[in-house]
């Protein structure tokens, strides 16, 4: 969209490359059976052609994972950005 604007990688900042992601979270202590059922049902919805088409029209690539994979993803994402903030003396209020 902006061919004359350099990417963050071109600016020498590859650690700033990121994607926007969305997920559904439940309160701590929620029954694991409820979490697994929600994951199964949401996965069914995400795999429908109607959902894929709607999301792709918005530039979104639908993905899904197991609850454990999603927990790991969140943990790793948090660690990545925490490290970057700490390394650069960033503080958030």
Protein backbone atom coordinates (compact mmCIF):
# COMPACT_ATOMS: atom_id res chain seq x y z
CA UNK A 1 0.00 0.00 0.00
CA UNK A 2 2.92 2.36 0.72
CA UNK A 3 5.72 1.30 -1.60
CA UNK A 4 8.04 4.17 -0.61
CA UNK A 5 7.78 3.47 3.12
CA UNK A 6 10.41 1.00 4.34
CA UNK A 7 9.37 -2.00 6.39
CA UNK A 8 10.67 -2.43 9.93
CA UNK A 9 12.98 -5.18 8.65
CA UNK A 10 14.37 -2.80 6.03
CA UNK A 11 14.94 -0.29 8.83
CA UNK A 12 17.02 -2.91 10.68
CA UNK A 13 14.44 -3.75 13.33
CA UNK A 14 13.42 -7.37 12.63
CA UNK A 15 12.43 -7.88 16.27
CA UNK A 16 9.47 -5.55 15.70
CA UNK A 17 7.81 -7.78 13.11
CA UNK A 18 4.49 -8.88 14.51
CA UNK A 19 1.02 -10.04 13.59
CA UNK A 20 -2.30 -9.12 15.09
CA UNK A 21 -4.03 -12.07 16.66
CA UNK A 22 -7.32 -12.72 18.37
CA UNK A 23 -8.27 -15.42 20.79
CA UNK A 24 -10.92 -16.40 23.26
CA UNK A 25 -9.88 -16.58 26.91
CA UNK A 26 -11.76 -17.79 29.97
CA UNK A 27 -11.34 -16.85 33.61
CA UNK A 28 -8.70 -18.69 35.60
CA UNK A 29 -10.16 -21.77 37.23
CA UNK A 30 -12.72 -22.45 34.49
CA UNK A 31 -13.50 -26.15 34.30
CA UNK A 32 -11.10 -27.73 31.74
CA UNK A 33 -13.99 -29.68 30.18
CA UNK A 34 -15.75 -26.40 29.41
CA UNK A 35 -12.57 -24.98 27.89
CA UNK A 36 -12.12 -28.06 25.68
CA UNK A 37 -15.75 -27.98 24.57
CA UNK A 38 -15.51 -24.30 23.68
CA UNK A 39 -12.34 -25.03 21.71
CA UNK A 40 -14.02 -27.88 19.81
CA UNK A 41 -17.06 -25.78 18.93
CA UNK A 42 -15.04 -22.72 17.90
CA UNK A 43 -12.77 -24.91 15.78
CA UNK A 44 -15.86 -26.24 13.96
CA UNK A 45 -16.97 -22.68 13.25
CA UNK A 46 -13.50 -21.56 12.13
CA UNK A 47 -13.31 -24.45 9.66
CA UNK A 48 -16.56 -23.55 7.91
CA UNK A 49 -16.26 -22.08 4.45
CA UNK A 50 -18.56 -19.19 5.42
CA UNK A 51 -16.26 -18.14 8.28
CA UNK A 52 -13.12 -18.50 6.17
CA UNK A 53 -14.59 -16.38 3.36
CA UNK A 54 -15.81 -13.64 5.73
CA UNK A 55 -12.50 -13.41 7.54
CA UNK A 56 -10.40 -13.53 4.37
CA UNK A 57 -12.44 -10.62 2.93
CA UNK A 58 -11.18 -8.65 5.94
CA UNK A 59 -7.59 -9.73 5.34
CA UNK A 60 -7.65 -12.21 8.20
CA UNK A 61 -6.19 -15.70 7.91
CA UNK A 62 -8.20 -17.93 10.25
CA UNK A 63 -6.12 -20.23 12.41
CA UNK A 64 -6.91 -22.39 15.40
CA UNK A 65 -5.01 -24.53 17.84
CA UNK A 66 -5.34 -26.70 20.88
CA UNK A 67 -5.77 -24.98 24.22
CA UNK A 68 -2.20 -25.96 25.18
CA UNK A 69 -0.76 -24.59 21.93
CA UNK A 70 -2.63 -21.31 22.42
CA UNK A 71 -1.38 -21.03 26.01
CA UNK A 72 2.19 -21.56 24.76
CA UNK A 73 1.68 -18.98 22.01
CA UNK A 74 0.50 -16.36 24.52
CA UNK A 75 3.38 -17.14 26.87
CA UNK A 76 5.96 -16.86 24.07
CA UNK A 77 4.44 -13.64 22.73
CA UNK A 78 4.47 -12.12 26.21
CA UNK A 79 8.09 -13.14 26.74
CA UNK A 80 9.13 -11.70 23.37
CA UNK A 81 7.61 -8.29 24.02
CA UNK A 82 8.66 -8.21 27.69
CA UNK A 83 12.27 -8.88 26.69
CA UNK A 84 12.15 -6.21 23.99
CA UNK A 85 10.66 -3.68 26.42
CA UNK A 86 13.20 -4.52 29.11
CA UNK A 87 16.15 -4.38 26.71
CA UNK A 88 15.06 -0.92 25.60
CA UNK A 89 14.18 0.37 29.09
CA UNK A 90 10.52 0.76 28.18
CA UNK A 91 7.99 1.27 30.96
CA UNK A 92 4.24 0.97 30.60
CA UNK A 93 1.72 2.63 32.89
